[in-house]
Amino acid sequence: MELRQIQYFIEVAKREHFTEASHHLHVAQSALSRQIANLEEELGVSLFLREGRNIKLTAVGKIFLQHVEMAMNEIEKAKEKIEEFLDPSRGTIRVGFTSSLAANPLPTVISGFRARYPDIGFQLKQGSYQGLIDSVIHGEIDLAFLGPVPTHEKNVRSYIFFAENIVALLPAKHPLSKQSSLRLSQLQEDTFVLFPPGFILRNIAVNACSQMGFSPKVAFEGEDIDAIKGLVAAGLGVTLLPELTLTDNVPRETVKIPISEPLVTRTVGIIIPNNRELPPSEKLFYHFLKEFFDVLSKYS
């Protein structure tokens, strides 16, 4: 079965007339009839009922038309995707991000990129730290914003944009809320609000407390940044968060305080697959990101 035969069949089925179909397709009527006959012979069924000069689809022909039209639509979509792939200014970028990077810097960089390349689209996927690494490796997405940036994952290439401090977020009525900075050991008697086990930001907080000789007493858990901020604002505990998540959004009834000891930081950057080339649009975005943060670092 050839693609040309299917195209001929659809045209004849739409017009119910060989002569009209042949004129539209710019082929001889005899060649068109021969191709349809070959298709029917291959399928072992009659697709058309001949009624003089007019034709109509058989019951089987109607079923076949329904399916081949769907198939042709998918083929056209595939051709469009290939055209997008070959034209980097018209592609779609598949990028993942963690919740701690959703408000900043992701919207800023995407806005800047789209100002330069307005015809490129985005498919955004929020996910867990390890889930996004796996998605890049398996080809579900092509890039992922992560913090911290993995440096020992052999199946991805990493690029670090910057490092940021982890800070304490306390209820406004906390006894230490007026301090300009604090040692993490000063919070060892407090209850903590953290991400659930397995989340990278929980690991960072637990490891920081361990450096000061204690394990945090986790009273509440939240699976996203806003939930954790809300629990702290309600006075249910303290937490440690990346400073970037509090740049423009320190909740009311909370205070952000730098940690003087230990110095807790995380890197922020992007990963791309190590086992395949990026599509052209993603390459544009990747190079734009490196340029964007290189320029930004000069003014920091």
Protein backbone atom coordinates (compact mmCIF):
# COMPACT_ATOMS: atom_id res chain seq x y z
CA MET A 1 0.00 0.00 0.00
CA GLU A 2 1.48 3.30 -1.10
CA LEU A 3 0.87 6.76 0.32
CA ARG A 4 -0.08 7.95 -3.17
CA GLN A 5 -2.81 5.31 -3.40
CA ILE A 6 -4.31 6.47 -0.10
CA GLN A 7 -4.24 10.10 -1.27
CA TYR A 8 -5.99 9.10 -4.50
CA PHE A 9 -8.56 7.04 -2.61
CA ILE A 10 -9.45 9.94 -0.28
CA GLU A 11 -9.87 12.34 -3.19
CA VAL A 12 -12.14 9.96 -5.10
CA ALA A 13 -14.15 9.22 -1.95
CA LYS A 14 -14.67 12.93 -1.31
CA ARG A 15 -15.80 13.71 -4.87
CA GLU A 16 -17.54 10.40 -5.69
CA HIS A 17 -16.38 10.90 -9.26
CA PHE A 18 -13.22 9.63 -10.97
CA THR A 19 -13.08 12.39 -13.60
CA GLU A 20 -13.38 15.22 -11.09
CA ALA A 21 -10.83 13.58 -8.81
CA SER A 22 -8.36 13.09 -11.66
CA HIS A 23 -8.67 16.76 -12.66
CA HIS A 24 -8.04 17.88 -9.10
CA LEU A 25 -5.07 15.54 -8.69
CA HIS A 26 -3.67 16.40 -12.14
CA VAL A 27 -3.37 12.74 -13.15
CA ALA A 28 -4.90 10.81 -16.00
CA GLN A 29 -8.21 9.16 -15.14
CA SER A 30 -6.90 5.81 -16.34
CA ALA A 31 -3.91 6.06 -13.98
CA LEU A 32 -6.20 7.01 -11.11
CA SER A 33 -8.55 4.10 -11.79
CA ARG A 34 -5.60 1.71 -12.00
CA GLN A 35 -4.23 2.86 -8.61
CA ILE A 36 -7.63 2.43 -6.95
CA ALA A 37 -7.99 -1.03 -8.49
CA ASN A 38 -4.53 -1.99 -7.22
CA LEU A 39 -5.48 -0.79 -3.73
CA GLU A 40 -8.70 -2.80 -3.75
CA GLU A 41 -6.83 -5.87 -4.96
CA GLU A 42 -4.26 -5.54 -2.18
CA LEU A 43 -6.97 -5.12 0.46
CA GLY A 44 -9.09 -7.90 -1.00
CA VAL A 45 -12.29 -5.84 -0.87
CA SER A 46 -14.25 -3.41 -3.02
CA LEU A 47 -14.05 0.15 -1.72
CA PHE A 48 -16.49 1.68 -4.23
CA LEU A 49 -19.81 0.81 -5.81
CA ARG A 50 -19.81 1.80 -9.49
CA GLU A 51 -23.08 3.31 -10.69
CA GLY A 52 -22.46 4.39 -14.25
CA ARG A 53 -20.21 7.45 -14.14
CA ASN A 54 -20.84 7.96 -10.43
CA ILE A 55 -19.41 5.97 -7.55
CA LYS A 56 -20.20 5.56 -3.87
CA LEU A 57 -18.25 4.12 -0.97
CA THR A 58 -19.08 0.61 0.15
CA ALA A 59 -19.59 -0.03 3.87
CA VAL A 60 -15.99 -1.26 4.07
CA GLY A 61 -14.88 1.78 2.05
CA LYS A 62 -16.44 4.10 4.63
CA ILE A 63 -14.58 2.35 7.44
CA PHE A 64 -11.33 2.50 5.48
CA LEU A 65 -11.83 6.22 4.73
CA GLN A 66 -12.37 7.04 8.39
CA HIS A 67 -9.08 5.42 9.40
CA VAL A 68 -6.90 6.59 6.53
CA GLU A 69 -8.07 10.19 7.03
CA MET A 70 -6.90 9.98 10.64
CA ALA A 71 -3.64 8.45 9.46
CA MET A 72 -3.10 11.21 6.90
CA ASN A 73 -3.79 13.84 9.55
CA GLU A 74 -1.09 12.29 11.72
CA ILE A 75 1.31 12.22 8.78
CA GLU A 76 0.65 15.92 8.14
CA LYS A 77 1.31 16.66 11.81
CA ALA A 78 4.55 14.71 11.57
CA LYS A 79 5.60 16.71 8.52
CA GLU A 80 4.85 19.95 10.35
CA LYS A 81 6.95 18.79 13.31
CA ILE A 82 9.84 17.99 11.01
CA GLU A 83 9.53 21.42 9.40
CA GLU A 84 9.58 22.97 12.87
CA PHE A 85 12.58 20.86 13.77
CA LEU A 86 14.46 22.06 10.71
CA ASP A 87 13.47 25.68 11.34
CA PRO A 88 14.65 26.58 14.86
CA SER A 89 12.66 29.81 14.87
CA ARG A 90 9.33 27.91 14.73
CA GLY A 91 9.87 24.95 17.04
CA THR A 92 8.53 23.97 20.45
CA ILE A 93 10.80 23.78 23.47
CA ARG A 94 10.08 21.13 26.09
CA VAL A 95 11.47 22.25 29.43
CA GLY A 96 11.01 21.05 32.99
CA PHE A 97 11.37 22.89 36.28
CA THR A 98 11.05 22.34 40.01
CA SER A 99 8.56 24.27 42.13
CA SER A 100 11.33 26.31 43.74
CA LEU A 101 12.21 27.81 40.34
CA ALA A 102 8.67 28.35 39.06
CA ALA A 103 8.35 32.00 40.08
CA ASN A 104 11.98 32.99 39.57
CA PRO A 105 13.95 32.84 37.29
CA LEU A 106 11.91 30.73 34.83
CA PRO A 107 9.27 33.35 33.80
CA THR A 108 11.96 36.02 33.34
CA VAL A 109 14.14 33.99 31.01
CA ILE A 110 11.22 32.65 28.97
CA SER A 111 9.85 36.18 28.57
CA GLY A 112 13.26 37.41 27.40
CA PHE A 113 13.64 34.53 24.98
CA ARG A 114 10.17 34.96 23.46
CA ALA A 115 10.85 38.65 22.92
CA ARG A 116 13.69 37.58 20.65
CA TYR A 117 12.00 34.49 19.13
CA PRO A 118 8.22 35.12 19.26
CA ASP A 119 7.25 32.15 17.06
CA ILE A 120 8.82 29.50 19.28
CA GLY A 121 6.43 27.75 21.66
CA PHE A 122 6.99 26.13 25.05
CA GLN A 123 5.78 22.95 26.71
CA LEU A 124 6.42 23.33 30.44
CA LYS A 125 6.55 20.46 32.90
CA GLN A 126 6.79 20.90 36.67
CA GLY A 127 8.19 17.89 38.44
CA SER A 128 10.29 16.47 41.22
CA TYR A 129 14.06 16.77 41.18
CA GLN A 130 14.84 13.16 40.27
CA GLY A 131 11.76 12.89 38.07
CA LEU A 132 12.99 15.74 35.87
CA ILE A 133 16.45 14.20 35.57
CA ASP A 134 14.82 10.94 34.44
CA SER A 135 12.56 12.82 31.99
CA VAL A 136 15.57 14.44 30.32
CA ILE A 137 17.43 11.10 30.11
CA HIS A 138 14.41 9.31 28.61
CA GLY A 139 13.58 12.05 26.10
CA GLU A 140 10.28 13.19 27.59
CA ILE A 141 11.74 16.71 27.84
CA ASP A 142 14.94 18.21 26.47
CA LEU A 143 16.01 20.60 29.23
CA ALA A 144 15.30 21.02 32.93
CA PHE A 145 15.92 23.84 35.40
CA LEU A 146 17.25 22.38 38.63
CA GLY A 147 18.66 23.49 41.93
CA PRO A 148 21.06 22.17 43.01
CA VAL A 149 22.55 21.23 39.66
CA PRO A 150 23.58 17.54 39.57
CA THR A 151 27.28 17.16 38.85
CA HIS A 152 27.72 13.38 39.01
CA GLU A 153 24.88 12.23 36.74
CA LYS A 154 26.64 10.66 33.75
CA ASN A 155 23.60 10.72 31.45
CA VAL A 156 23.12 14.51 31.52
CA ARG A 157 25.27 17.56 30.95
CA SER A 158 24.97 20.31 33.53
CA TYR A 159 25.45 24.04 33.31
CA ILE A 160 25.46 26.14 36.50
CA PHE A 161 24.06 29.66 36.20
CA PHE A 162 24.63 30.89 39.74
CA ALA A 163 24.72 29.90 43.41
CA GLU A 164 22.32 31.21 46.02
CA ASN A 165 22.03 31.12 49.79
CA ILE A 166 19.58 29.04 51.75
CA VAL A 167 17.89 31.26 54.37
CA ALA A 168 15.63 30.75 57.35
CA LEU A 169 11.95 31.66 57.22
CA LEU A 170 10.44 32.26 60.65
CA PRO A 171 7.01 33.31 61.92
CA ALA A 172 6.99 37.06 62.58
CA LYS A 173 6.38 36.45 66.31
CA HIS A 174 9.34 34.09 66.66
CA PRO A 175 11.79 35.13 69.44
CA LEU A 176 14.60 35.40 66.86
CA SER A 177 12.60 37.36 64.27
CA LYS A 178 14.40 40.64 64.97
CA GLN A 179 17.90 39.27 64.43
CA SER A 180 19.88 40.31 61.36
CA SER A 181 21.27 36.76 61.05
CA LEU A 182 21.28 33.54 63.02
CA ARG A 183 23.23 30.36 63.60
CA LEU A 184 21.23 27.31 62.59
CA SER A 185 21.89 25.77 66.01
CA GLN A 186 19.64 28.47 67.47
CA LEU A 187 16.68 26.70 65.84
CA GLN A 188 17.36 23.21 67.17
CA GLU A 189 14.50 23.38 69.69
CA ASP A 190 12.02 24.61 67.06
CA THR A 191 9.66 22.50 65.02
CA PHE A 192 10.37 22.53 61.28
CA VAL A 193 8.16 22.66 58.21
CA LEU A 194 9.92 20.79 55.40
CA PHE A 195 9.31 18.99 52.15
CA PRO A 196 8.56 15.25 52.47
CA PRO A 197 11.41 12.68 52.45
CA GLY A 198 12.97 12.28 49.01
CA PHE A 199 12.73 15.97 48.10
CA ILE A 200 16.08 17.62 47.47
CA LEU A 201 15.29 20.73 49.55
CA ARG A 202 14.52 18.53 52.55
CA ASN A 203 17.91 16.85 52.11
CA ILE A 204 19.62 20.26 52.04
CA ALA A 205 17.85 21.35 55.26
CA VAL A 206 18.52 18.08 57.10
CA ASN A 207 22.18 18.07 56.06
CA ALA A 208 22.60 21.69 57.21
CA CYS A 209 21.14 20.86 60.62
CA SER A 210 23.37 17.79 60.83
CA GLN A 211 26.42 20.01 60.36
CA MET A 212 25.38 21.81 63.55
CA GLY A 213 24.91 18.55 65.45
CA PHE A 214 21.14 18.11 65.50
CA SER A 215 18.27 16.60 63.54
CA PRO A 216 15.34 18.91 62.79
CA LYS A 217 12.06 18.08 64.52
CA VAL A 218 9.73 17.94 61.51
CA ALA A 219 6.18 18.67 62.59
CA PHE A 220 4.62 19.48 59.20
CA GLU A 221 5.37 18.71 55.58
CA GLY A 222 4.36 20.42 52.35
CA GLU A 223 4.95 19.42 48.74
CA ASP A 224 5.31 22.92 47.30
CA ILE A 225 6.91 26.19 48.25
CA ASP A 226 3.67 28.09 48.84
CA ALA A 227 2.30 25.40 51.15
CA ILE A 228 5.45 25.52 53.28
CA LYS A 229 5.39 29.32 53.41
CA GLY A 230 1.75 29.22 54.48
CA LEU A 231 2.44 26.80 57.31
CA VAL A 232 5.27 29.01 58.58
CA ALA A 233 3.04 32.08 58.33
CA ALA A 234 0.47 30.23 60.45
CA GLY A 235 3.11 29.88 63.15
CA LEU A 236 3.41 26.10 62.84
CA GLY A 237 7.18 26.01 62.54
CA VAL A 238 10.30 27.35 60.86
CA THR A 239 11.86 26.32 57.57
CA LEU A 240 14.88 26.71 55.32
CA LEU A 241 14.30 27.87 51.76
CA PRO A 242 16.37 29.08 48.80
CA GLU A 243 16.61 32.86 48.87
CA LEU A 244 15.32 33.05 45.30
CA THR A 245 11.93 31.73 46.40
CA LEU A 246 11.57 34.71 48.73
CA THR A 247 12.90 37.46 46.46
CA ASP A 248 9.51 38.97 45.65
CA ASN A 249 7.29 36.96 47.96
CA VAL A 250 7.98 36.91 51.69
CA PRO A 251 4.56 36.08 53.15
CA ARG A 252 2.96 38.35 55.69
CA GLU A 253 3.50 37.21 59.25
CA THR A 254 6.93 35.79 58.36
CA VAL A 255 10.50 37.08 58.30
CA LYS A 256 13.47 36.03 56.20
CA ILE A 257 16.75 35.80 58.07
CA PRO A 258 20.21 34.92 56.63
CA ILE A 259 22.05 31.98 58.18
CA SER A 260 25.55 32.84 59.37
CA GLU A 261 26.55 29.30 60.36
CA PRO A 262 26.80 27.02 58.53
CA LEU A 263 26.83 28.73 55.14
CA VAL A 264 24.22 26.81 53.17
CA THR A 265 23.98 27.31 49.41
CA ARG A 266 22.67 25.60 46.34
CA THR A 267 23.57 25.91 42.68
CA VAL A 268 20.93 26.75 40.07
CA GLY A 269 21.21 25.81 36.42
CA ILE A 270 20.04 23.55 33.66
CA ILE A 271 20.61 20.01 32.47
CA ILE A 272 20.46 18.63 28.93
CA PRO A 273 20.81 15.04 27.68
CA ASN A 274 24.24 13.56 27.23
CA ASN A 275 23.08 10.82 24.87
CA ARG A 276 21.50 12.86 22.07
CA GLU A 277 21.70 16.22 20.31
CA LEU A 278 19.28 18.96 21.25
CA PRO A 279 16.75 19.93 18.55
CA PRO A 280 17.49 23.29 16.88
CA SER A 281 14.97 25.31 18.93
CA GLU A 282 16.26 23.87 22.19
CA LYS A 283 19.82 24.68 21.12
CA LEU A 284 18.78 28.30 20.61
CA PHE A 285 17.22 28.39 24.07
CA TYR A 286 20.21 26.70 25.69
CA HIS A 287 22.66 29.22 24.22
CA PHE A 288 20.31 32.07 25.09
CA LEU A 289 20.26 30.93 28.72
CA LYS A 290 24.04 30.82 28.95
CA GLU A 291 24.28 34.28 27.40
CA PHE A 292 21.50 35.64 29.65
CA PHE A 293 23.09 34.48 32.90
CA ASP A 294 26.62 35.37 31.80
CA VAL A 295 25.48 38.96 31.27
CA LEU A 296 23.51 38.90 34.53
CA SER A 297 26.53 37.71 36.51
CA LYS A 298 28.55 40.73 35.37
CA TYR A 299 26.09 43.05 37.11
CA SER A 300 25.64 40.96 40.25
